[in-house]
Amino acid sequence: MKLVSSTEKWNQAAAFYVRMEVFVLERGIALEEEFDAFDRDDTLYLVLYDENKPVATGRYLKIDADTIRPGRIAVLPSHRGRGLGKRIVEEMEAVAKKEQCTTSVIHGEMTAAPFYEKLGYVKVSEPYYEDGALCVTLEKRLRPNHSSLVK
């Protein structure tokens, strides 16, 4: 497996392929809801390739100087159960740490919440609907907030 983290058009197309398969065709999410204003030319996409085939992806958004929002994490059905989603999330967290971010916030479907909780995320909201799916916001501290240590 090869992981590519880039804003290149070809890698974006690979991410869109996985998302189309998982979210639109498998899950029934509308195209106009799945592909949104955050899918920009400068958006960072992480894609895992099995040989030359994209099989897992995630979209990395930095929402402020301290916070990232991993999203659109998807793994093709043929490659599930191999830890690929975990690898995508952990790589996004590694990128965030290099950028000195302290927090990761995920808007996850309720069915995916246990997956994120196993990775150290904690639910911080009541359930709500987003893109037609029942979701919850989860949060994880990536590193101590140094300003909170100063007295």
N, C-alpha and C. Protein backbone atom coordinates (compact mmCIF):
# COMPACT_ATOMS: atom_id res chain seq x y z
N MET A 1 0.84 -1.19 0.00
CA MET A 1 0.00 0.00 0.00
C MET A 1 0.88 1.24 0.00
N LYS A 2 0.49 2.18 -0.81
CA LYS A 2 1.21 3.44 -0.89
C LYS A 2 0.26 4.56 -0.50
N LEU A 3 0.70 5.44 0.39
CA LEU A 3 -0.10 6.59 0.80
C LEU A 3 0.41 7.82 0.09
N VAL A 4 -0.52 8.55 -0.54
CA VAL A 4 -0.18 9.81 -1.18
C VAL A 4 -0.99 10.91 -0.52
N SER A 5 -0.29 11.95 -0.10
CA SER A 5 -0.91 13.10 0.54
C SER A 5 -0.57 14.31 -0.30
N SER A 6 -1.56 14.83 -1.06
CA SER A 6 -1.26 15.95 -1.94
C SER A 6 -2.52 16.68 -2.38
N THR A 7 -2.30 17.82 -3.03
CA THR A 7 -3.38 18.61 -3.62
C THR A 7 -3.43 18.43 -5.13
N GLU A 8 -2.59 17.54 -5.65
CA GLU A 8 -2.53 17.32 -7.10
C GLU A 8 -3.88 16.83 -7.64
N LYS A 9 -4.22 17.29 -8.85
CA LYS A 9 -5.50 16.92 -9.47
C LYS A 9 -5.68 15.41 -9.57
N TRP A 10 -4.64 14.67 -9.96
CA TRP A 10 -4.77 13.23 -10.12
C TRP A 10 -5.08 12.55 -8.78
N ASN A 11 -4.51 13.06 -7.69
CA ASN A 11 -4.78 12.48 -6.38
C ASN A 11 -6.19 12.87 -5.91
N GLN A 12 -6.60 14.09 -6.25
CA GLN A 12 -7.97 14.52 -5.94
C GLN A 12 -8.96 13.62 -6.69
N ALA A 13 -8.67 13.32 -7.95
CA ALA A 13 -9.56 12.44 -8.73
C ALA A 13 -9.65 11.06 -8.09
N ALA A 14 -8.54 10.55 -7.58
CA ALA A 14 -8.54 9.25 -6.91
C ALA A 14 -9.39 9.30 -5.64
N ALA A 15 -9.27 10.39 -4.88
CA ALA A 15 -10.09 10.56 -3.67
C ALA A 15 -11.57 10.60 -4.04
N PHE A 16 -11.89 11.34 -5.10
CA PHE A 16 -13.28 11.45 -5.55
C PHE A 16 -13.82 10.10 -6.00
N TYR A 17 -12.98 9.28 -6.62
CA TYR A 17 -13.40 7.94 -7.05
C TYR A 17 -13.86 7.12 -5.84
N VAL A 18 -13.03 7.10 -4.79
CA VAL A 18 -13.37 6.32 -3.60
C VAL A 18 -14.64 6.87 -2.97
N ARG A 19 -14.74 8.19 -2.85
CA ARG A 19 -15.92 8.81 -2.25
C ARG A 19 -17.17 8.54 -3.08
N MET A 20 -17.05 8.57 -4.38
CA MET A 20 -18.19 8.28 -5.26
C MET A 20 -18.68 6.85 -5.02
N GLU A 21 -17.75 5.91 -4.97
CA GLU A 21 -18.10 4.51 -4.74
C GLU A 21 -18.77 4.31 -3.37
N VAL A 22 -18.17 4.88 -2.32
CA VAL A 22 -18.63 4.62 -0.96
C VAL A 22 -19.84 5.48 -0.59
N PHE A 23 -19.71 6.77 -0.72
CA PHE A 23 -20.76 7.66 -0.22
C PHE A 23 -21.95 7.80 -1.17
N VAL A 24 -21.69 7.95 -2.45
CA VAL A 24 -22.78 8.18 -3.40
C VAL A 24 -23.44 6.87 -3.82
N LEU A 25 -22.65 5.92 -4.32
CA LEU A 25 -23.24 4.68 -4.84
C LEU A 25 -23.64 3.70 -3.73
N GLU A 26 -22.78 3.52 -2.73
CA GLU A 26 -23.10 2.56 -1.67
C GLU A 26 -24.06 3.15 -0.63
N ARG A 27 -23.78 4.37 -0.16
CA ARG A 27 -24.55 4.96 0.94
C ARG A 27 -25.74 5.79 0.48
N GLY A 28 -25.78 6.15 -0.80
CA GLY A 28 -26.91 6.90 -1.33
C GLY A 28 -26.91 8.39 -1.03
N ILE A 29 -25.77 8.96 -0.70
CA ILE A 29 -25.68 10.40 -0.46
C ILE A 29 -25.72 11.12 -1.81
N ALA A 30 -26.46 12.20 -1.88
CA ALA A 30 -26.59 12.95 -3.13
C ALA A 30 -25.25 13.55 -3.54
N LEU A 31 -25.00 13.55 -4.84
CA LEU A 31 -23.76 14.12 -5.37
C LEU A 31 -23.51 15.53 -4.86
N GLU A 32 -24.54 16.36 -4.90
CA GLU A 32 -24.37 17.77 -4.52
C GLU A 32 -24.11 17.93 -3.01
N GLU A 33 -24.41 16.93 -2.22
CA GLU A 33 -24.09 16.98 -0.79
C GLU A 33 -22.70 16.41 -0.53
N GLU A 34 -22.34 15.38 -1.26
CA GLU A 34 -21.03 14.75 -1.05
C GLU A 34 -19.88 15.65 -1.50
N PHE A 35 -20.02 16.25 -2.65
CA PHE A 35 -18.96 17.10 -3.20
C PHE A 35 -19.36 18.54 -2.97
N ASP A 36 -18.67 19.19 -2.04
CA ASP A 36 -19.12 20.49 -1.55
C ASP A 36 -18.07 21.58 -1.72
N ALA A 37 -18.29 22.72 -1.10
CA ALA A 37 -17.42 23.89 -1.24
C ALA A 37 -16.03 23.66 -0.64
N PHE A 38 -15.87 22.64 0.19
CA PHE A 38 -14.55 22.35 0.75
C PHE A 38 -13.67 21.55 -0.20
N ASP A 39 -14.24 21.06 -1.30
CA ASP A 39 -13.46 20.36 -2.32
C ASP A 39 -12.89 21.40 -3.30
N ARG A 40 -11.82 22.03 -2.85
CA ARG A 40 -11.18 23.09 -3.64
C ARG A 40 -9.87 22.58 -4.24
N ASP A 41 -9.31 23.37 -5.14
CA ASP A 41 -8.04 22.99 -5.75
C ASP A 41 -6.91 22.86 -4.73
N ASP A 42 -6.97 23.63 -3.64
CA ASP A 42 -5.89 23.60 -2.65
C ASP A 42 -6.18 22.67 -1.48
N THR A 43 -7.24 21.88 -1.55
CA THR A 43 -7.57 20.95 -0.48
C THR A 43 -6.62 19.76 -0.51
N LEU A 44 -6.16 19.36 0.68
CA LEU A 44 -5.26 18.22 0.79
C LEU A 44 -6.08 16.93 0.90
N TYR A 45 -5.76 15.97 0.05
CA TYR A 45 -6.41 14.66 0.07
C TYR A 45 -5.36 13.59 0.36
N LEU A 46 -5.71 12.68 1.23
CA LEU A 46 -4.86 11.53 1.49
C LEU A 46 -5.52 10.32 0.83
N VAL A 47 -4.75 9.59 0.06
CA VAL A 47 -5.29 8.43 -0.65
C VAL A 47 -4.32 7.26 -0.49
N LEU A 48 -4.88 6.11 -0.12
CA LEU A 48 -4.10 4.87 -0.09
C LEU A 48 -4.35 4.13 -1.39
N TYR A 49 -3.26 3.70 -2.01
CA TYR A 49 -3.32 2.97 -3.27
C TYR A 49 -2.86 1.53 -3.06
N ASP A 50 -3.64 0.60 -3.58
CA ASP A 50 -3.26 -0.81 -3.63
C ASP A 50 -2.84 -1.04 -5.07
N GLU A 51 -1.51 -1.16 -5.27
CA GLU A 51 -0.96 -1.11 -6.62
C GLU A 51 -1.27 0.29 -7.15
N ASN A 52 -2.02 0.42 -8.24
CA ASN A 52 -2.38 1.74 -8.76
C ASN A 52 -3.84 2.09 -8.50
N LYS A 53 -4.54 1.26 -7.73
CA LYS A 53 -5.96 1.50 -7.49
C LYS A 53 -6.17 2.23 -6.16
N PRO A 54 -6.87 3.37 -6.21
CA PRO A 54 -7.21 4.05 -4.95
C PRO A 54 -8.24 3.23 -4.19
N VAL A 55 -7.96 2.98 -2.88
CA VAL A 55 -8.85 2.12 -2.10
C VAL A 55 -9.34 2.76 -0.81
N ALA A 56 -8.70 3.86 -0.38
CA ALA A 56 -9.12 4.55 0.84
C ALA A 56 -8.72 6.01 0.73
N THR A 57 -9.49 6.87 1.37
CA THR A 57 -9.20 8.30 1.26
C THR A 57 -9.70 9.07 2.48
N GLY A 58 -9.25 10.29 2.57
CA GLY A 58 -9.72 11.24 3.56
C GLY A 58 -9.40 12.65 3.09
N ARG A 59 -10.22 13.59 3.53
CA ARG A 59 -10.03 15.00 3.17
C ARG A 59 -9.56 15.75 4.41
N TYR A 60 -8.45 16.47 4.28
CA TYR A 60 -7.83 17.19 5.38
C TYR A 60 -8.19 18.67 5.27
N LEU A 61 -8.89 19.16 6.29
CA LEU A 61 -9.22 20.58 6.33
C LEU A 61 -8.65 21.19 7.60
N LYS A 62 -8.01 22.33 7.46
CA LYS A 62 -7.53 23.07 8.63
C LYS A 62 -8.52 24.21 8.83
N ILE A 63 -9.25 24.17 9.95
CA ILE A 63 -10.33 25.15 10.12
C ILE A 63 -9.88 26.40 10.88
N ASP A 64 -8.78 26.31 11.60
CA ASP A 64 -8.15 27.50 12.17
C ASP A 64 -6.71 27.10 12.52
N ALA A 65 -5.96 28.00 13.14
CA ALA A 65 -4.54 27.76 13.39
C ALA A 65 -4.29 26.54 14.27
N ASP A 66 -5.26 26.16 15.09
CA ASP A 66 -5.07 25.08 16.04
C ASP A 66 -5.85 23.81 15.73
N THR A 67 -6.77 23.86 14.78
CA THR A 67 -7.76 22.79 14.63
C THR A 67 -7.85 22.26 13.20
N ILE A 68 -7.88 20.94 13.10
CA ILE A 68 -8.15 20.30 11.81
C ILE A 68 -9.51 19.62 11.87
N ARG A 69 -10.03 19.37 10.67
CA ARG A 69 -11.29 18.63 10.56
C ARG A 69 -11.12 17.54 9.50
N PRO A 70 -10.67 16.36 9.92
CA PRO A 70 -10.61 15.25 8.98
C PRO A 70 -12.03 14.91 8.53
N GLY A 71 -12.18 14.59 7.27
CA GLY A 71 -13.51 14.25 6.80
C GLY A 71 -13.48 13.40 5.55
N ARG A 72 -14.67 12.99 5.13
CA ARG A 72 -14.85 12.18 3.93
C ARG A 72 -13.92 10.98 3.93
N ILE A 73 -13.78 10.36 5.11
CA ILE A 73 -12.93 9.19 5.24
C ILE A 73 -13.71 7.98 4.74
N ALA A 74 -13.15 7.31 3.75
CA ALA A 74 -13.85 6.21 3.11
C ALA A 74 -12.87 5.12 2.69
N VAL A 75 -13.34 3.88 2.79
CA VAL A 75 -12.57 2.71 2.36
C VAL A 75 -13.47 1.87 1.48
N LEU A 76 -12.97 1.46 0.33
CA LEU A 76 -13.75 0.59 -0.54
C LEU A 76 -14.11 -0.69 0.19
N PRO A 77 -15.32 -1.25 -0.07
CA PRO A 77 -15.74 -2.48 0.61
C PRO A 77 -14.73 -3.61 0.50
N SER A 78 -14.07 -3.72 -0.63
CA SER A 78 -13.10 -4.81 -0.85
C SER A 78 -11.87 -4.71 0.04
N HIS A 79 -11.66 -3.55 0.66
CA HIS A 79 -10.45 -3.34 1.46
C HIS A 79 -10.74 -3.01 2.94
N ARG A 80 -11.98 -3.18 3.35
CA ARG A 80 -12.33 -2.90 4.74
C ARG A 80 -11.80 -3.98 5.67
N GLY A 81 -11.66 -3.62 6.94
CA GLY A 81 -11.18 -4.56 7.94
C GLY A 81 -9.67 -4.72 7.95
N ARG A 82 -8.97 -3.84 7.26
CA ARG A 82 -7.50 -3.93 7.18
C ARG A 82 -6.81 -2.75 7.88
N GLY A 83 -7.58 -1.92 8.56
CA GLY A 83 -6.99 -0.78 9.27
C GLY A 83 -6.67 0.41 8.39
N LEU A 84 -7.24 0.45 7.19
CA LEU A 84 -6.90 1.54 6.28
C LEU A 84 -7.52 2.87 6.70
N GLY A 85 -8.75 2.84 7.22
CA GLY A 85 -9.37 4.06 7.72
C GLY A 85 -8.58 4.63 8.88
N LYS A 86 -8.14 3.76 9.78
CA LYS A 86 -7.30 4.16 10.91
C LYS A 86 -6.01 4.80 10.41
N ARG A 87 -5.41 4.20 9.41
CA ARG A 87 -4.15 4.74 8.86
C ARG A 87 -4.37 6.14 8.28
N ILE A 88 -5.48 6.35 7.58
CA ILE A 88 -5.78 7.67 7.01
C ILE A 88 -5.92 8.69 8.14
N VAL A 89 -6.70 8.37 9.16
CA VAL A 89 -6.92 9.31 10.27
C VAL A 89 -5.60 9.61 10.99
N GLU A 90 -4.82 8.58 11.27
CA GLU A 90 -3.56 8.78 11.98
C GLU A 90 -2.59 9.62 11.17
N GLU A 91 -2.60 9.45 9.85
CA GLU A 91 -1.72 10.27 9.01
C GLU A 91 -2.17 11.73 9.01
N MET A 92 -3.49 11.96 9.01
CA MET A 92 -3.99 13.33 9.09
C MET A 92 -3.57 13.97 10.41
N GLU A 93 -3.65 13.21 11.49
CA GLU A 93 -3.23 13.72 12.79
C GLU A 93 -1.74 14.04 12.79
N ALA A 94 -0.93 13.23 12.12
CA ALA A 94 0.51 13.48 12.03
C ALA A 94 0.79 14.78 11.27
N VAL A 95 0.07 15.00 10.18
CA VAL A 95 0.22 16.26 9.44
C VAL A 95 -0.15 17.43 10.33
N ALA A 96 -1.24 17.30 11.07
CA ALA A 96 -1.71 18.36 11.96
C ALA A 96 -0.67 18.68 13.04
N LYS A 97 -0.07 17.66 13.60
CA LYS A 97 0.94 17.87 14.64
C LYS A 97 2.14 18.62 14.08
N LYS A 98 2.54 18.29 12.84
CA LYS A 98 3.65 19.01 12.20
C LYS A 98 3.29 20.48 12.01
N GLU A 99 2.01 20.76 11.82
CA GLU A 99 1.53 22.14 11.65
C GLU A 99 1.20 22.79 12.99
N GLN A 100 1.57 22.14 14.08
CA GLN A 100 1.38 22.65 15.44
C GLN A 100 -0.09 22.75 15.87
N CYS A 101 -0.95 21.97 15.24
CA CYS A 101 -2.36 21.96 15.63
C CYS A 101 -2.51 21.17 16.93
N THR A 102 -3.52 21.54 17.72
CA THR A 102 -3.74 20.90 19.01
C THR A 102 -5.01 20.06 19.06
N THR A 103 -5.92 20.27 18.10
CA THR A 103 -7.22 19.62 18.17
C THR A 103 -7.66 19.09 16.82
N SER A 104 -8.32 17.94 16.85
CA SER A 104 -8.94 17.38 15.66
C SER A 104 -10.42 17.21 15.95
N VAL A 105 -11.26 17.72 15.04
CA VAL A 105 -12.72 17.65 15.20
C VAL A 105 -13.30 16.92 13.99
N ILE A 106 -14.08 15.89 14.27
CA ILE A 106 -14.68 15.09 13.20
C ILE A 106 -16.19 15.15 13.31
N HIS A 107 -16.86 15.39 12.18
CA HIS A 107 -18.31 15.25 12.08
C HIS A 107 -18.51 13.86 11.49
N GLY A 108 -18.80 12.88 12.35
CA GLY A 108 -18.91 11.51 11.91
C GLY A 108 -20.32 10.99 11.97
N GLU A 109 -20.62 10.09 11.05
CA GLU A 109 -21.93 9.43 11.11
C GLU A 109 -22.00 8.63 12.40
N MET A 110 -23.19 8.54 12.97
CA MET A 110 -23.37 7.82 14.23
C MET A 110 -22.82 6.39 14.14
N THR A 111 -22.99 5.76 12.98
CA THR A 111 -22.51 4.39 12.82
C THR A 111 -20.98 4.32 12.86
N ALA A 112 -20.30 5.43 12.56
CA ALA A 112 -18.83 5.46 12.56
C ALA A 112 -18.26 5.95 13.89
N ALA A 113 -19.10 6.46 14.78
CA ALA A 113 -18.62 7.01 16.06
C ALA A 113 -17.77 6.00 16.85
N PRO A 114 -18.18 4.73 16.96
CA PRO A 114 -17.33 3.78 17.71
C PRO A 114 -15.93 3.63 17.11
N PHE A 115 -15.81 3.70 15.78
CA PHE A 115 -14.51 3.65 15.12
C PHE A 115 -13.64 4.80 15.59
N TYR A 116 -14.18 6.01 15.59
CA TYR A 116 -13.41 7.18 16.01
C TYR A 116 -13.11 7.14 17.50
N GLU A 117 -14.03 6.64 18.30
CA GLU A 117 -13.79 6.54 19.74
C GLU A 117 -12.62 5.60 20.03
N LYS A 118 -12.46 4.54 19.25
CA LYS A 118 -11.32 3.64 19.41
C LYS A 118 -10.00 4.34 19.10
N LEU A 119 -10.07 5.42 18.32
CA LEU A 119 -8.87 6.19 17.97
C LEU A 119 -8.63 7.34 18.94
N GLY A 120 -9.43 7.40 20.01
CA GLY A 120 -9.22 8.42 21.03
C GLY A 120 -10.11 9.63 20.94
N TYR A 121 -11.08 9.61 20.05
CA TYR A 121 -12.02 10.74 19.92
C TYR A 121 -13.14 10.60 20.95
N VAL A 122 -13.68 11.74 21.37
CA VAL A 122 -14.75 11.79 22.35
C VAL A 122 -15.92 12.57 21.76
N LYS A 123 -17.14 12.04 21.93
CA LYS A 123 -18.33 12.75 21.45
C LYS A 123 -18.49 14.06 22.23
N VAL A 124 -18.73 15.15 21.49
CA VAL A 124 -18.91 16.45 22.13
C VAL A 124 -20.20 17.14 21.70
N SER A 125 -21.10 16.38 21.06
CA SER A 125 -22.37 16.96 20.64
C SER A 125 -23.48 15.93 20.74
N GLU A 126 -24.67 16.42 20.66
CA GLU A 126 -25.84 15.56 20.51
C GLU A 126 -25.92 15.18 19.03
N PRO A 127 -26.61 14.10 18.69
CA PRO A 127 -26.77 13.73 17.28
C PRO A 127 -27.50 14.82 16.48
N TYR A 128 -27.13 14.96 15.23
CA TYR A 128 -27.73 15.93 14.31
C TYR A 128 -27.63 15.37 12.89
N TYR A 129 -28.38 15.96 11.99
CA TYR A 129 -28.34 15.51 10.59
C TYR A 129 -27.40 16.40 9.79
N GLU A 130 -26.55 15.75 8.99
CA GLU A 130 -25.64 16.44 8.08
C GLU A 130 -25.59 15.63 6.80
N ASP A 131 -25.81 16.28 5.69
CA ASP A 131 -25.83 15.60 4.38
C ASP A 131 -26.78 14.41 4.39
N GLY A 132 -27.89 14.54 5.12
CA GLY A 132 -28.91 13.51 5.15
C GLY A 132 -28.60 12.33 6.07
N ALA A 133 -27.48 12.38 6.79
CA ALA A 133 -27.12 11.27 7.68
C ALA A 133 -27.08 11.74 9.13
N LEU A 134 -27.45 10.86 10.05
CA LEU A 134 -27.39 11.17 11.47
C LEU A 134 -25.92 11.16 11.90
N CYS A 135 -25.46 12.29 12.44
CA CYS A 135 -24.05 12.47 12.77
C CYS A 135 -23.86 12.93 14.20
N VAL A 136 -22.61 12.93 14.62
CA VAL A 136 -22.22 13.45 15.93
C VAL A 136 -20.83 14.09 15.74
N THR A 137 -20.54 15.12 16.52
CA THR A 137 -19.22 15.73 16.48
C THR A 137 -18.35 15.05 17.53
N LEU A 138 -17.13 14.69 17.12
CA LEU A 138 -16.16 14.06 18.01
C LEU A 138 -14.89 14.90 18.01
N GLU A 139 -14.18 14.89 19.12
CA GLU A 139 -13.00 15.73 19.26
C GLU A 139 -11.87 14.94 19.89
N LYS A 140 -10.64 15.29 19.50
CA LYS A 140 -9.46 14.66 20.08
C LYS A 140 -8.38 15.72 20.26
N ARG A 141 -7.76 15.73 21.42
CA ARG A 141 -6.61 16.60 21.67
C ARG A 141 -5.40 15.93 21.05
N LEU A 142 -4.68 16.66 20.21
CA LEU A 142 -3.50 16.12 19.54
C LEU A 142 -2.23 16.37 20.33
N ARG A 143 -2.23 17.45 21.08
CA ARG A 143 -1.10 17.80 21.93
C ARG A 143 -1.61 18.76 22.98
N PRO A 144 -0.92 18.87 24.09
CA PRO A 144 -1.39 19.79 25.13
C PRO A 144 -1.45 21.22 24.61
N ASN A 145 -2.45 21.94 25.08
CA ASN A 145 -2.56 23.36 24.75
C ASN A 145 -1.64 24.09 25.71
N HIS A 146 -0.50 24.56 25.22
CA HIS A 146 0.51 25.16 26.08
C HIS A 146 0.01 26.41 26.79
N SER A 147 -0.88 27.15 26.19
CA SER A 147 -1.38 28.36 26.84
C SER A 147 -2.16 28.02 28.11
N SER A 148 -2.76 26.82 28.16
CA SER A 148 -3.50 26.43 29.35
C SER A 148 -2.57 26.00 30.47
N LEU A 149 -1.29 25.77 30.17
CA LEU A 149 -0.33 25.37 31.18
C LEU A 149 0.29 26.58 31.89
N VAL A 150 0.19 27.74 31.27
CA VAL A 150 0.75 28.96 31.85
C VAL A 150 -0.23 29.51 32.88
N LYS A 151 0.28 29.78 34.07
CA LYS A 151 -0.59 30.29 35.13
C LYS A 151 -0.29 31.72 35.45
